[in-house]
Amino acid sequence: MRDNADELLLDVRDLSVAYESGGGLVTAVDRVSFTLRPGEILGLAGESGCGKSTIALALPRLLRSPAVITGGQVVFDGTDLLGVDDTAIRAVRWRDIALVFQNAMNALNPVLRLSAQLVDVIRHHDKVSAEQARERAGELLDLVGIGRDRLRAYPHQLSGGMRQRAAIAIALALRPRLVILDEPTTALDVVVQREILDELKGLQGELGFAVLFVSHDLELLAEFTDRIAIMYAGRLVEAAPSLPLLDGAAHPYTRGLLAAAPDLHGRRSVSRTALPGTPPDLSAPPPGCRFAERCEKAMDVCRWDEPPLLPLNGADPTHVTACHLYSQDSQEVHA
């Protein structure tokens, strides 16, 4: 998934994250690599517990104990964020990289008015007066569709959709170049979800920021993103442009995710089927392909040899997958 580094905003290289457990380490993200260009929208999908949100928090170094980054690089605009000191990373957060959390009620301070929370972010990074910061806060609420008349409101006085819009306003306060969306609409009903995502898409087109969008909903990601990367048990198993992935998924796990989800656009006529089994225990992951025990196409090699992430049959460098079905030694099985 590596592109021309001269044009990259973000280049994540072999990122590994573990959690301390019982005196040992459980690896939740295992050597994951991906890139993101300026203005691009990348979706990160997979079942709960696959490592999506851990990656989202690792990039701006917001992980807390017992999590620890154990390897890799997070190169943002040419600088490895894992190698800079705390002062430098604090300067990057919100100004260059902002994050919208899954639950806005937990992300917003319940005892502070929206004006105070927006003004605090703006003045912490920009040398502006309180009046200038407040004017900017009003512009931000207008921008996300709340209205500046809500500046004096507390979070509990807003609906769920308005709280999420307020969280987006805070994320955009310093005009960041990368916005990380960690399942930002999961707790909202489908109508409000659609409204917020349409707004976000419009803002992204207007302001030009790149987006890493974490979600378990492949159909949603296909509409909103340029590319999608699929996670399974801490590893990246497939990545491709969004619509081609939806219509031509290669990895059996990606196919299983699509088969388990309702088709909202009539592209697929198959009935929904749940993926059998459960992900492996990451405290003792199996050798070989981690999906092998759940895969109906698994071969002997899958149980001892971990498949590398490679272009699909060498035909399309933008579509990569980690599956022995597509290796040279398995062409007959794939056919």
C-alpha atoms as a PDB file:
ATOM      1  CA  MET A   1       0.000   0.000   0.000  1.00  0.00           C
ATOM      2  CA  ARG A   2       3.022   2.243  -0.238  1.00  0.00           C
ATOM      3  CA  ASP A   3       2.793   5.194  -2.651  1.00  0.00           C
ATOM      4  CA  ASN A   4       5.180   7.921  -3.833  1.00  0.00           C
ATOM      5  CA  ALA A   5       6.490   9.316  -0.555  1.00  0.00           C
ATOM      6  CA  ASP A   6       6.943  12.795  -2.085  1.00  0.00           C
ATOM      7  CA  GLU A   7       3.158  13.207  -2.249  1.00  0.00           C
ATOM      8  CA  LEU A   8       2.215  11.649   1.068  1.00  0.00           C
ATOM      9  CA  LEU A   9       0.693  13.406   4.052  1.00  0.00           C
ATOM     10  CA  LEU A  10       0.806  10.296   6.253  1.00  0.00           C
ATOM     11  CA  ASP A  11       2.955   7.181   5.914  1.00  0.00           C
ATOM     12  CA  VAL A  12       2.361   4.542   8.590  1.00  0.00           C
ATOM     13  CA  ARG A  13       5.125   1.934   8.498  1.00  0.00           C
ATOM     14  CA  ASP A  14       4.904  -1.388  10.340  1.00  0.00           C
ATOM     15  CA  LEU A  15       3.021   0.113  13.289  1.00  0.00           C
ATOM     16  CA  SER A  16       2.668  -2.261  16.235  1.00  0.00           C
ATOM     17  CA  VAL A  17       0.728  -1.607  19.445  1.00  0.00           C
ATOM     18  CA  ALA A  18       0.396  -3.894  22.462  1.00  0.00           C
ATOM     19  CA  TYR A  19      -1.496  -3.879  25.749  1.00  0.00           C
ATOM     20  CA  GLU A  20       0.090  -4.943  29.023  1.00  0.00           C
ATOM     21  CA  SER A  21      -1.821  -7.889  30.434  1.00  0.00           C
ATOM     22  CA  GLY A  22      -0.890 -10.220  33.273  1.00  0.00           C
ATOM     23  CA  GLY A  23       2.750  -9.220  33.191  1.00  0.00           C
ATOM     24  CA  GLY A  24       3.029  -9.754  29.428  1.00  0.00           C
ATOM     25  CA  LEU A  25       2.128  -7.930  26.223  1.00  0.00           C
ATOM     26  CA  VAL A  26      -0.848  -8.659  23.952  1.00  0.00           C
ATOM     27  CA  THR A  27      -0.273  -7.292  20.459  1.00  0.00           C
ATOM     28  CA  ALA A  28      -3.434  -5.565  19.217  1.00  0.00           C
ATOM     29  CA  VAL A  29      -1.930  -3.957  16.089  1.00  0.00           C
ATOM     30  CA  ASP A  30       0.702  -6.033  14.324  1.00  0.00           C
ATOM     31  CA  ARG A  31       3.001  -4.415  11.737  1.00  0.00           C
ATOM     32  CA  VAL A  32       0.323  -2.384   9.968  1.00  0.00           C
ATOM     33  CA  SER A  33       1.336  -0.099   7.087  1.00  0.00           C
ATOM     34  CA  PHE A  34      -0.747   2.317   5.012  1.00  0.00           C
ATOM     35  CA  THR A  35      -0.503   5.752   3.422  1.00  0.00           C
ATOM     36  CA  LEU A  36      -2.715   8.795   3.055  1.00  0.00           C
ATOM     37  CA  ARG A  37      -2.369  11.625   0.554  1.00  0.00           C
ATOM     38  CA  PRO A  38      -3.459  15.246   1.114  1.00  0.00           C
ATOM     39  CA  GLY A  39      -7.224  15.519   0.721  1.00  0.00           C
ATOM     40  CA  GLU A  40      -7.734  11.751   0.501  1.00  0.00           C
ATOM     41  CA  ILE A  41     -10.319   9.799   2.518  1.00  0.00           C
ATOM     42  CA  LEU A  42      -9.246   6.359   3.714  1.00  0.00           C
ATOM     43  CA  GLY A  43     -11.634   3.963   5.446  1.00  0.00           C
ATOM     44  CA  LEU A  44     -10.447   1.474   8.052  1.00  0.00           C
ATOM     45  CA  ALA A  45     -12.880  -1.409   8.603  1.00  0.00           C
ATOM     46  CA  GLY A  46     -13.165  -4.695  10.466  1.00  0.00           C
ATOM     47  CA  GLU A  47     -14.910  -6.450  13.341  1.00  0.00           C
ATOM     48  CA  SER A  48     -14.836  -5.098  16.890  1.00  0.00           C
ATOM     49  CA  GLY A  49     -11.478  -5.715  18.509  1.00  0.00           C
ATOM     50  CA  CYS A  50      -9.511  -5.872  15.242  1.00  0.00           C
ATOM     51  CA  GLY A  51      -7.352  -2.842  16.122  1.00  0.00           C
ATOM     52  CA  LYS A  52      -9.089   0.002  14.241  1.00  0.00           C
ATOM     53  CA  SER A  53      -9.577   2.395  17.153  1.00  0.00           C
ATOM     54  CA  THR A  54      -6.176   1.516  18.590  1.00  0.00           C
ATOM     55  CA  ILE A  55      -4.611   2.749  15.336  1.00  0.00           C
ATOM     56  CA  ALA A  56      -6.748   5.913  15.412  1.00  0.00           C
ATOM     57  CA  LEU A  57      -5.465   6.778  18.884  1.00  0.00           C
ATOM     58  CA  ALA A  58      -1.892   5.686  18.175  1.00  0.00           C
ATOM     59  CA  LEU A  59      -1.352   8.096  15.273  1.00  0.00           C
ATOM     60  CA  PRO A  60      -1.546  11.311  17.394  1.00  0.00           C
ATOM     61  CA  ARG A  61      -0.104   9.382  20.384  1.00  0.00           C
ATOM     62  CA  LEU A  62      -3.275   9.544  22.470  1.00  0.00           C
ATOM     63  CA  LEU A  63      -3.070   5.955  23.727  1.00  0.00           C
ATOM     64  CA  ARG A  64      -2.923   5.557  27.486  1.00  0.00           C
ATOM     65  CA  SER A  65      -1.582   2.794  29.697  1.00  0.00           C
ATOM     66  CA  PRO A  66      -1.793  -0.188  29.470  1.00  0.00           C
ATOM     67  CA  ALA A  67      -1.316   0.447  25.738  1.00  0.00           C
ATOM     68  CA  VAL A  68       2.217   0.847  24.421  1.00  0.00           C
ATOM     69  CA  ILE A  69       3.507   1.419  20.884  1.00  0.00           C
ATOM     70  CA  THR A  70       6.083  -1.323  20.371  1.00  0.00           C
ATOM     71  CA  GLY A  71       7.343  -0.619  16.864  1.00  0.00           C
ATOM     72  CA  GLY A  72       7.028   1.135  13.548  1.00  0.00           C
ATOM     73  CA  GLN A  73       6.839   4.717  12.355  1.00  0.00           C
ATOM     74  CA  VAL A  74       4.069   7.292  11.910  1.00  0.00           C
ATOM     75  CA  VAL A  75       5.528   9.717   9.378  1.00  0.00           C
ATOM     76  CA  PHE A  76       3.365  12.842   9.095  1.00  0.00           C
ATOM     77  CA  ASP A  77       4.495  15.457   6.580  1.00  0.00           C
ATOM     78  CA  GLY A  78       8.013  13.997   6.680  1.00  0.00           C
ATOM     79  CA  THR A  79       8.347  13.765  10.485  1.00  0.00           C
ATOM     80  CA  ASP A  80       8.094  10.545  12.485  1.00  0.00           C
ATOM     81  CA  LEU A  81       5.628  11.412  15.243  1.00  0.00           C
ATOM     82  CA  LEU A  82       6.792   8.469  17.317  1.00  0.00           C
ATOM     83  CA  GLY A  83      10.255  10.003  17.556  1.00  0.00           C
ATOM     84  CA  VAL A  84       9.376  13.525  18.737  1.00  0.00           C
ATOM     85  CA  ASP A  85       9.067  14.708  22.343  1.00  0.00           C
ATOM     86  CA  ASP A  86       5.820  15.461  24.179  1.00  0.00           C
ATOM     87  CA  THR A  87       5.999  19.199  23.455  1.00  0.00           C
ATOM     88  CA  ALA A  88       6.309  18.602  19.731  1.00  0.00           C
ATOM     89  CA  ILE A  89       3.442  16.097  19.576  1.00  0.00           C
ATOM     90  CA  ARG A  90       1.168  18.459  21.521  1.00  0.00           C
ATOM     91  CA  ALA A  91       1.838  21.116  18.886  1.00  0.00           C
ATOM     92  CA  VAL A  92       0.734  18.698  16.158  1.00  0.00           C
ATOM     93  CA  ARG A  93      -2.486  17.576  17.857  1.00  0.00           C
ATOM     94  CA  TRP A  94      -5.558  19.569  16.819  1.00  0.00           C
ATOM     95  CA  ARG A  95      -3.502  21.991  14.712  1.00  0.00           C
ATOM     96  CA  ASP A  96      -2.412  19.352  12.172  1.00  0.00           C
ATOM     97  CA  ILE A  97      -4.184  16.168  13.287  1.00  0.00           C
ATOM     98  CA  ALA A  98      -7.613  16.251  14.932  1.00  0.00           C
ATOM     99  CA  LEU A  99      -9.801  13.408  16.145  1.00  0.00           C
ATOM    100  CA  VAL A 100     -13.581  13.044  16.372  1.00  0.00           C
ATOM    101  CA  PHE A 101     -14.443  10.394  18.949  1.00  0.00           C
ATOM    102  CA  GLN A 102     -17.229   7.835  18.826  1.00  0.00           C
ATOM    103  CA  ASN A 103     -19.232   9.241  21.733  1.00  0.00           C
ATOM    104  CA  ALA A 104     -19.487  13.020  21.705  1.00  0.00           C
ATOM    105  CA  MET A 105     -21.030  13.144  25.189  1.00  0.00           C
ATOM    106  CA  ASN A 106     -17.844  11.632  26.589  1.00  0.00           C
ATOM    107  CA  ALA A 107     -15.591  13.756  24.361  1.00  0.00           C
ATOM    108  CA  LEU A 108     -17.185  17.058  25.439  1.00  0.00           C
ATOM    109  CA  ASN A 109     -16.716  18.471  28.937  1.00  0.00           C
ATOM    110  CA  PRO A 110     -20.193  18.317  30.534  1.00  0.00           C
ATOM    111  CA  VAL A 111     -19.601  21.285  32.890  1.00  0.00           C
ATOM    112  CA  LEU A 112     -18.319  23.741  30.275  1.00  0.00           C
ATOM    113  CA  ARG A 113     -20.344  25.655  27.709  1.00  0.00           C
ATOM    114  CA  LEU A 114     -19.508  25.023  24.050  1.00  0.00           C
ATOM    115  CA  SER A 115     -18.009  28.507  23.801  1.00  0.00           C
ATOM    116  CA  ALA A 116     -15.484  27.752  26.535  1.00  0.00           C
ATOM    117  CA  GLN A 117     -14.432  24.460  24.947  1.00  0.00           C
ATOM    118  CA  LEU A 118     -13.994  25.959  21.476  1.00  0.00           C
ATOM    119  CA  VAL A 119     -12.253  29.094  22.720  1.00  0.00           C
ATOM    120  CA  ASP A 120      -9.878  27.018  24.847  1.00  0.00           C
ATOM    121  CA  VAL A 121      -8.734  24.971  21.838  1.00  0.00           C
ATOM    122  CA  ILE A 122      -8.304  28.053  19.642  1.00  0.00           C
ATOM    123  CA  ARG A 123      -6.407  30.179  22.179  1.00  0.00           C
ATOM    124  CA  HIS A 124      -4.191  27.290  23.283  1.00  0.00           C
ATOM    125  CA  HIS A 125      -2.717  27.107  19.784  1.00  0.00           C
ATOM    126  CA  ASP A 126      -3.291  30.574  18.295  1.00  0.00           C
ATOM    127  CA  LYS A 127      -2.269  33.949  19.717  1.00  0.00           C
ATOM    128  CA  VAL A 128      -5.659  35.613  19.425  1.00  0.00           C
ATOM    129  CA  SER A 129      -7.814  37.584  21.817  1.00  0.00           C
ATOM    130  CA  ALA A 130     -10.766  36.059  23.630  1.00  0.00           C
ATOM    131  CA  GLU A 131     -13.107  38.098  21.416  1.00  0.00           C
ATOM    132  CA  GLN A 132     -11.437  36.847  18.235  1.00  0.00           C
ATOM    133  CA  ALA A 133     -11.545  33.267  19.478  1.00  0.00           C
ATOM    134  CA  ARG A 134     -15.210  33.584  20.344  1.00  0.00           C
ATOM    135  CA  GLU A 135     -15.985  34.946  16.869  1.00  0.00           C
ATOM    136  CA  ARG A 136     -14.125  32.001  15.354  1.00  0.00           C
ATOM    137  CA  ALA A 137     -16.128  29.637  17.623  1.00  0.00           C
ATOM    138  CA  GLY A 138     -19.358  31.116  16.314  1.00  0.00           C
ATOM    139  CA  GLU A 139     -18.180  30.661  12.729  1.00  0.00           C
ATOM    140  CA  LEU A 140     -17.383  27.016  13.456  1.00  0.00           C
ATOM    141  CA  LEU A 141     -20.833  26.292  14.871  1.00  0.00           C
ATOM    142  CA  ASP A 142     -22.372  27.941  11.810  1.00  0.00           C
ATOM    143  CA  LEU A 143     -20.085  25.837   9.630  1.00  0.00           C
ATOM    144  CA  VAL A 144     -21.272  22.511  11.097  1.00  0.00           C
ATOM    145  CA  GLY A 145     -24.945  23.463  11.059  1.00  0.00           C
ATOM    146  CA  ILE A 146     -25.605  24.207  14.727  1.00  0.00           C
ATOM    147  CA  GLY A 147     -25.751  27.987  14.758  1.00  0.00           C
ATOM    148  CA  ARG A 148     -23.768  30.380  16.929  1.00  0.00           C
ATOM    149  CA  ASP A 149     -26.758  30.978  19.163  1.00  0.00           C
ATOM    150  CA  ARG A 150     -25.837  27.656  20.814  1.00  0.00           C
ATOM    151  CA  LEU A 151     -22.428  28.881  21.983  1.00  0.00           C
ATOM    152  CA  ARG A 152     -23.642  29.221  25.585  1.00  0.00           C
ATOM    153  CA  ALA A 153     -25.253  25.785  25.642  1.00  0.00           C
ATOM    154  CA  TYR A 154     -23.932  22.920  27.748  1.00  0.00           C
ATOM    155  CA  PRO A 155     -23.519  19.512  26.066  1.00  0.00           C
ATOM    156  CA  HIS A 156     -26.524  18.031  27.882  1.00  0.00           C
ATOM    157  CA  GLN A 157     -28.729  20.731  26.356  1.00  0.00           C
ATOM    158  CA  LEU A 158     -27.999  19.460  22.835  1.00  0.00           C
ATOM    159  CA  SER A 159     -29.344  16.478  20.940  1.00  0.00           C
ATOM    160  CA  GLY A 160     -27.017  13.607  20.057  1.00  0.00           C
ATOM    161  CA  GLY A 161     -26.603  14.884  16.519  1.00  0.00           C
ATOM    162  CA  MET A 162     -25.835  18.421  17.687  1.00  0.00           C
ATOM    163  CA  ARG A 163     -23.259  17.135  20.178  1.00  0.00           C
ATOM    164  CA  GLN A 164     -21.537  15.230  17.382  1.00  0.00           C
ATOM    165  CA  ARG A 165     -21.546  18.358  15.232  1.00  0.00           C
ATOM    166  CA  ALA A 166     -20.018  20.284  18.145  1.00  0.00           C
ATOM    167  CA  ALA A 167     -17.265  17.673  18.412  1.00  0.00           C
ATOM    168  CA  ILE A 168     -16.617  18.073  14.677  1.00  0.00           C
ATOM    169  CA  ALA A 169     -16.482  21.869  15.108  1.00  0.00           C
ATOM    170  CA  ILE A 170     -13.797  21.467  17.797  1.00  0.00           C
ATOM    171  CA  ALA A 171     -11.847  19.108  15.536  1.00  0.00           C
ATOM    172  CA  LEU A 172     -11.923  21.678  12.703  1.00  0.00           C
ATOM    173  CA  ALA A 173     -11.135  24.667  14.927  1.00  0.00           C
ATOM    174  CA  LEU A 174      -7.489  24.943  13.824  1.00  0.00           C
ATOM    175  CA  ARG A 175      -8.018  23.863  10.207  1.00  0.00           C
ATOM    176  CA  PRO A 176      -6.128  20.553  10.533  1.00  0.00           C
ATOM    177  CA  ARG A 177      -4.721  18.707   7.540  1.00  0.00           C
ATOM    178  CA  LEU A 178      -5.837  15.304   8.843  1.00  0.00           C
ATOM    179  CA  VAL A 179      -9.082  14.480  10.647  1.00  0.00           C
ATOM    180  CA  ILE A 180      -9.464  11.049  12.231  1.00  0.00           C
ATOM    181  CA  LEU A 181     -13.087   9.920  12.573  1.00  0.00           C
ATOM    182  CA  ASP A 182     -13.416   7.058  15.060  1.00  0.00           C
ATOM    183  CA  GLU A 183     -16.906   5.695  14.290  1.00  0.00           C
ATOM    184  CA  PRO A 184     -18.338   9.201  14.774  1.00  0.00           C
ATOM    185  CA  THR A 185     -21.999   8.378  14.037  1.00  0.00           C
ATOM    186  CA  THR A 186     -22.432   4.902  15.551  1.00  0.00           C
ATOM    187  CA  ALA A 187     -24.686   6.093  18.394  1.00  0.00           C
ATOM    188  CA  LEU A 188     -26.972   8.127  16.116  1.00  0.00           C
ATOM    189  CA  ASP A 189     -30.100   7.140  14.213  1.00  0.00           C
ATOM    190  CA  VAL A 190     -29.713   6.598  10.471  1.00  0.00           C
ATOM    191  CA  VAL A 191     -31.297   9.909   9.442  1.00  0.00           C
ATOM    192  CA  VAL A 192     -29.016  12.018  11.652  1.00  0.00           C
ATOM    193  CA  GLN A 193     -26.070   9.805  10.679  1.00  0.00           C
ATOM    194  CA  ARG A 194     -26.678  10.551   7.004  1.00  0.00           C
ATOM    195  CA  GLU A 195     -27.029  14.287   7.644  1.00  0.00           C
ATOM    196  CA  ILE A 196     -23.749  14.461   9.564  1.00  0.00           C
ATOM    197  CA  LEU A 197     -21.805  12.390   7.041  1.00  0.00           C
ATOM    198  CA  ASP A 198     -23.120  14.489   4.152  1.00  0.00           C
ATOM    199  CA  GLU A 199     -22.049  17.594   6.069  1.00  0.00           C
ATOM    200  CA  LEU A 200     -18.630  16.123   6.750  1.00  0.00           C
ATOM    201  CA  LYS A 201     -18.190  15.233   3.091  1.00  0.00           C
ATOM    202  CA  GLY A 202     -19.089  18.796   2.124  1.00  0.00           C
ATOM    203  CA  LEU A 203     -16.697  20.269   4.691  1.00  0.00           C
ATOM    204  CA  GLN A 204     -13.916  17.968   3.524  1.00  0.00           C
ATOM    205  CA  GLY A 205     -14.438  19.094  -0.056  1.00  0.00           C
ATOM    206  CA  GLU A 206     -14.488  22.751   0.991  1.00  0.00           C
ATOM    207  CA  LEU A 207     -11.552  22.720   3.409  1.00  0.00           C
ATOM    208  CA  GLY A 208      -9.452  19.994   1.770  1.00  0.00           C
ATOM    209  CA  PHE A 209      -8.391  18.018   4.827  1.00  0.00           C
ATOM    210  CA  ALA A 210      -7.531  14.325   4.597  1.00  0.00           C
ATOM    211  CA  VAL A 211      -9.640  11.827   6.561  1.00  0.00           C
ATOM    212  CA  LEU A 212      -9.013   8.492   8.228  1.00  0.00           C
ATOM    213  CA  PHE A 213     -12.525   7.111   8.790  1.00  0.00           C
ATOM    214  CA  VAL A 214     -12.775   4.182  11.203  1.00  0.00           C
ATOM    215  CA  SER A 215     -15.983   2.142  10.900  1.00  0.00           C
ATOM    216  CA  HIS A 216     -17.359  -1.398  10.837  1.00  0.00           C
ATOM    217  CA  ASP A 217     -19.846  -0.444   8.089  1.00  0.00           C
ATOM    218  CA  LEU A 218     -18.403  -1.242   4.647  1.00  0.00           C
ATOM    219  CA  GLU A 219     -21.386   0.127   2.725  1.00  0.00           C
ATOM    220  CA  LEU A 220     -21.058   3.438   4.549  1.00  0.00           C
ATOM    221  CA  LEU A 221     -17.316   3.583   3.924  1.00  0.00           C
ATOM    222  CA  ALA A 222     -17.784   2.815   0.230  1.00  0.00           C
ATOM    223  CA  GLU A 223     -19.946   5.920  -0.153  1.00  0.00           C
ATOM    224  CA  PHE A 224     -17.730   8.219   1.877  1.00  0.00           C
ATOM    225  CA  THR A 225     -14.135   7.148   1.156  1.00  0.00           C
ATOM    226  CA  ASP A 226     -11.658   6.909  -1.710  1.00  0.00           C
ATOM    227  CA  ARG A 227      -9.992   3.722  -0.433  1.00  0.00           C
ATOM    228  CA  ILE A 228     -10.772   1.085   2.190  1.00  0.00           C
ATOM    229  CA  ALA A 229      -8.342  -0.988   4.259  1.00  0.00           C
ATOM    230  CA  ILE A 230      -9.614  -4.131   6.010  1.00  0.00           C
ATOM    231  CA  MET A 231      -8.281  -5.174   9.429  1.00  0.00           C
ATOM    232  CA  TYR A 232      -8.502  -8.632  10.955  1.00  0.00           C
ATOM    233  CA  ALA A 233      -7.067  -9.663  14.340  1.00  0.00           C
ATOM    234  CA  GLY A 234      -4.571  -6.817  14.377  1.00  0.00           C
ATOM    235  CA  ARG A 235      -3.353  -7.281  10.792  1.00  0.00           C
ATOM    236  CA  LEU A 236      -4.160  -5.555   7.518  1.00  0.00           C
ATOM    237  CA  VAL A 237      -5.603  -8.189   5.151  1.00  0.00           C
ATOM    238  CA  GLU A 238      -6.894  -6.229   2.146  1.00  0.00           C
ATOM    239  CA  ALA A 239      -6.948  -2.706   0.731  1.00  0.00           C
ATOM    240  CA  ALA A 240      -8.343  -1.261  -2.479  1.00  0.00           C
ATOM    241  CA  PRO A 241     -10.243   1.683  -3.968  1.00  0.00           C
ATOM    242  CA  SER A 242     -13.645   1.733  -2.296  1.00  0.00           C
ATOM    243  CA  LEU A 243     -16.129   0.765  -5.010  1.00  0.00           C
ATOM    244  CA  PRO A 244     -13.875  -1.879  -6.616  1.00  0.00           C
ATOM    245  CA  LEU A 245     -13.440  -3.422  -3.167  1.00  0.00           C
ATOM    246  CA  LEU A 246     -17.183  -3.546  -2.665  1.00  0.00           C
ATOM    247  CA  ASP A 247     -17.746  -5.179  -6.038  1.00  0.00           C
ATOM    248  CA  GLY A 248     -14.607  -7.343  -6.224  1.00  0.00           C
ATOM    249  CA  ALA A 249     -13.378  -8.199  -2.727  1.00  0.00           C
ATOM    250  CA  ALA A 250     -10.625 -10.822  -2.820  1.00  0.00           C
ATOM    251  CA  HIS A 251      -9.905 -11.860   0.760  1.00  0.00           C
ATOM    252  CA  PRO A 252     -12.393 -14.391   2.187  1.00  0.00           C
ATOM    253  CA  TYR A 253     -12.722 -12.256   5.320  1.00  0.00           C
ATOM    254  CA  THR A 254     -13.706  -9.162   3.318  1.00  0.00           C
ATOM    255  CA  ARG A 255     -16.209 -11.256   1.375  1.00  0.00           C
ATOM    256  CA  GLY A 256     -17.594 -12.532   4.654  1.00  0.00           C
ATOM    257  CA  LEU A 257     -18.035  -8.999   5.993  1.00  0.00           C
ATOM    258  CA  LEU A 258     -19.891  -7.990   2.844  1.00  0.00           C
ATOM    259  CA  ALA A 259     -22.091 -11.094   2.905  1.00  0.00           C
ATOM    260  CA  ALA A 260     -23.042 -10.361   6.525  1.00  0.00           C
ATOM    261  CA  ALA A 261     -24.066  -6.758   5.802  1.00  0.00           C
ATOM    262  CA  PRO A 262     -27.322  -5.603   4.186  1.00  0.00           C
ATOM    263  CA  ASP A 263     -26.909  -4.263   0.646  1.00  0.00           C
ATOM    264  CA  LEU A 264     -28.372  -0.783   0.538  1.00  0.00           C
ATOM    265  CA  HIS A 265     -27.820  -0.194  -3.185  1.00  0.00           C
ATOM    266  CA  GLY A 266     -28.870  -3.358  -4.953  1.00  0.00           C
ATOM    267  CA  ARG A 267     -25.385  -4.324  -6.107  1.00  0.00           C
ATOM    268  CA  ARG A 268     -25.534  -7.802  -4.573  1.00  0.00           C
ATOM    269  CA  SER A 269     -28.359 -10.324  -4.726  1.00  0.00           C
ATOM    270  CA  VAL A 270     -26.964 -12.813  -2.187  1.00  0.00           C
ATOM    271  CA  SER A 271     -28.710 -13.243   1.135  1.00  0.00           C
ATOM    272  CA  ARG A 272     -27.015 -12.164   4.345  1.00  0.00           C
ATOM    273  CA  THR A 273     -24.922 -14.812   6.090  1.00  0.00           C
ATOM    274  CA  ALA A 274     -23.043 -14.418   9.345  1.00  0.00           C
ATOM    275  CA  LEU A 275     -19.329 -15.154   9.527  1.00  0.00           C
ATOM    276  CA  PRO A 276     -18.841 -18.397  11.466  1.00  0.00           C
ATOM    277  CA  GLY A 277     -16.553 -18.556  14.483  1.00  0.00           C
ATOM    278  CA  THR A 278     -14.742 -15.787  16.346  1.00  0.00           C
ATOM    279  CA  PRO A 279     -11.417 -13.973  15.946  1.00  0.00           C
ATOM    280  CA  PRO A 280      -8.381 -15.650  17.525  1.00  0.00           C
ATOM    281  CA  ASP A 281      -7.045 -14.918  21.003  1.00  0.00           C
ATOM    282  CA  LEU A 282      -4.415 -12.231  20.409  1.00  0.00           C
ATOM    283  CA  SER A 283      -2.519 -13.238  23.534  1.00  0.00           C
ATOM    284  CA  ALA A 284      -1.581 -16.410  21.629  1.00  0.00           C
ATOM    285  CA  PRO A 285      -2.308 -15.833  17.912  1.00  0.00           C
ATOM    286  CA  PRO A 286      -2.124 -18.880  15.656  1.00  0.00           C
ATOM    287  CA  PRO A 287       0.699 -19.314  13.135  1.00  0.00           C
ATOM    288  CA  GLY A 288      -0.045 -18.661   9.502  1.00  0.00           C
ATOM    289  CA  CYS A 289      -3.184 -16.805   8.431  1.00  0.00           C
ATOM    290  CA  ARG A 290      -5.192 -15.651  11.440  1.00  0.00           C
ATOM    291  CA  PHE A 291      -8.430 -16.134   9.532  1.00  0.00           C
ATOM    292  CA  ALA A 292      -7.700 -19.753   8.577  1.00  0.00           C
ATOM    293  CA  GLU A 293      -9.873 -21.352  11.267  1.00  0.00           C
ATOM    294  CA  ARG A 294     -12.919 -19.418  10.021  1.00  0.00           C
ATOM    295  CA  CYS A 295     -12.168 -19.664   6.302  1.00  0.00           C
ATOM    296  CA  GLU A 296     -13.955 -22.225   4.137  1.00  0.00           C
ATOM    297  CA  LYS A 297     -11.182 -21.915   1.527  1.00  0.00           C
ATOM    298  CA  ALA A 298      -8.280 -22.487   3.916  1.00  0.00           C
ATOM    299  CA  MET A 299      -5.452 -24.725   2.692  1.00  0.00           C
ATOM    300  CA  ASP A 300      -2.724 -26.482   4.653  1.00  0.00           C
ATOM    301  CA  VAL A 301      -0.261 -23.678   3.925  1.00  0.00           C
ATOM    302  CA  CYS A 302      -2.637 -21.173   5.512  1.00  0.00           C
ATOM    303  CA  ARG A 303      -2.213 -22.815   8.918  1.00  0.00           C
ATOM    304  CA  TRP A 304       1.562 -22.416   9.132  1.00  0.00           C
ATOM    305  CA  ASP A 305       2.669 -19.681   6.680  1.00  0.00           C
ATOM    306  CA  GLU A 306       1.538 -16.092   7.205  1.00  0.00           C
ATOM    307  CA  PRO A 307       0.563 -14.625   3.799  1.00  0.00           C
ATOM    308  CA  PRO A 308       2.192 -11.292   2.884  1.00  0.00           C
ATOM    309  CA  LEU A 309       0.194  -8.275   1.736  1.00  0.00           C
ATOM    310  CA  LEU A 310       0.748  -8.176  -2.045  1.00  0.00           C
ATOM    311  CA  PRO A 311      -0.913  -6.741  -5.180  1.00  0.00           C
ATOM    312  CA  LEU A 312      -3.776  -8.949  -6.305  1.00  0.00           C
ATOM    313  CA  ASN A 313      -2.186 -11.307  -8.858  1.00  0.00           C
ATOM    314  CA  GLY A 314       0.161  -8.456  -9.757  1.00  0.00           C
ATOM    315  CA  ALA A 315      -2.560  -6.957 -11.952  1.00  0.00           C
ATOM    316  CA  ASP A 316      -3.554  -3.918  -9.875  1.00  0.00           C
ATOM    317  CA  PRO A 317      -1.030  -2.315  -7.489  1.00  0.00           C
ATOM    318  CA  THR A 318      -3.830  -0.370  -5.763  1.00  0.00           C
ATOM    319  CA  HIS A 319      -5.628  -3.584  -4.736  1.00  0.00           C
ATOM    320  CA  VAL A 320      -3.589  -5.611  -2.256  1.00  0.00           C
ATOM    321  CA  THR A 321      -4.513  -8.660  -0.212  1.00  0.00           C
ATOM    322  CA  ALA A 322      -2.873 -11.068   2.221  1.00  0.00           C
ATOM    323  CA  CYS A 323      -4.183 -14.470   1.124  1.00  0.00           C
ATOM    324  CA  HIS A 324      -2.519 -17.657  -0.148  1.00  0.00           C
ATOM    325  CA  LEU A 325      -5.371 -18.126  -2.636  1.00  0.00           C
ATOM    326  CA  TYR A 326      -3.667 -15.525  -4.804  1.00  0.00           C
ATOM    327  CA  SER A 327      -0.066 -16.658  -4.506  1.00  0.00           C
ATOM    328  CA  GLN A 328       1.714 -18.200  -7.488  1.00  0.00           C
ATOM    329  CA  ASP A 329       1.615 -21.656  -5.896  1.00  0.00           C
ATOM    330  CA  SER A 330      -2.166 -21.503  -5.471  1.00  0.00           C
ATOM    331  CA  GLN A 331      -3.388 -20.359  -8.899  1.00  0.00           C
ATOM    332  CA  GLU A 332      -5.126 -23.679  -9.534  1.00  0.00           C
ATOM    333  CA  VAL A 333      -7.044 -23.441  -6.277  1.00  0.00           C
ATOM    334  CA  HIS A 334      -7.975 -19.805  -6.976  1.00  0.00           C
ATOM    335  CA  ALA A 335      -9.233 -20.677 -10.451  1.00  0.00           C
END
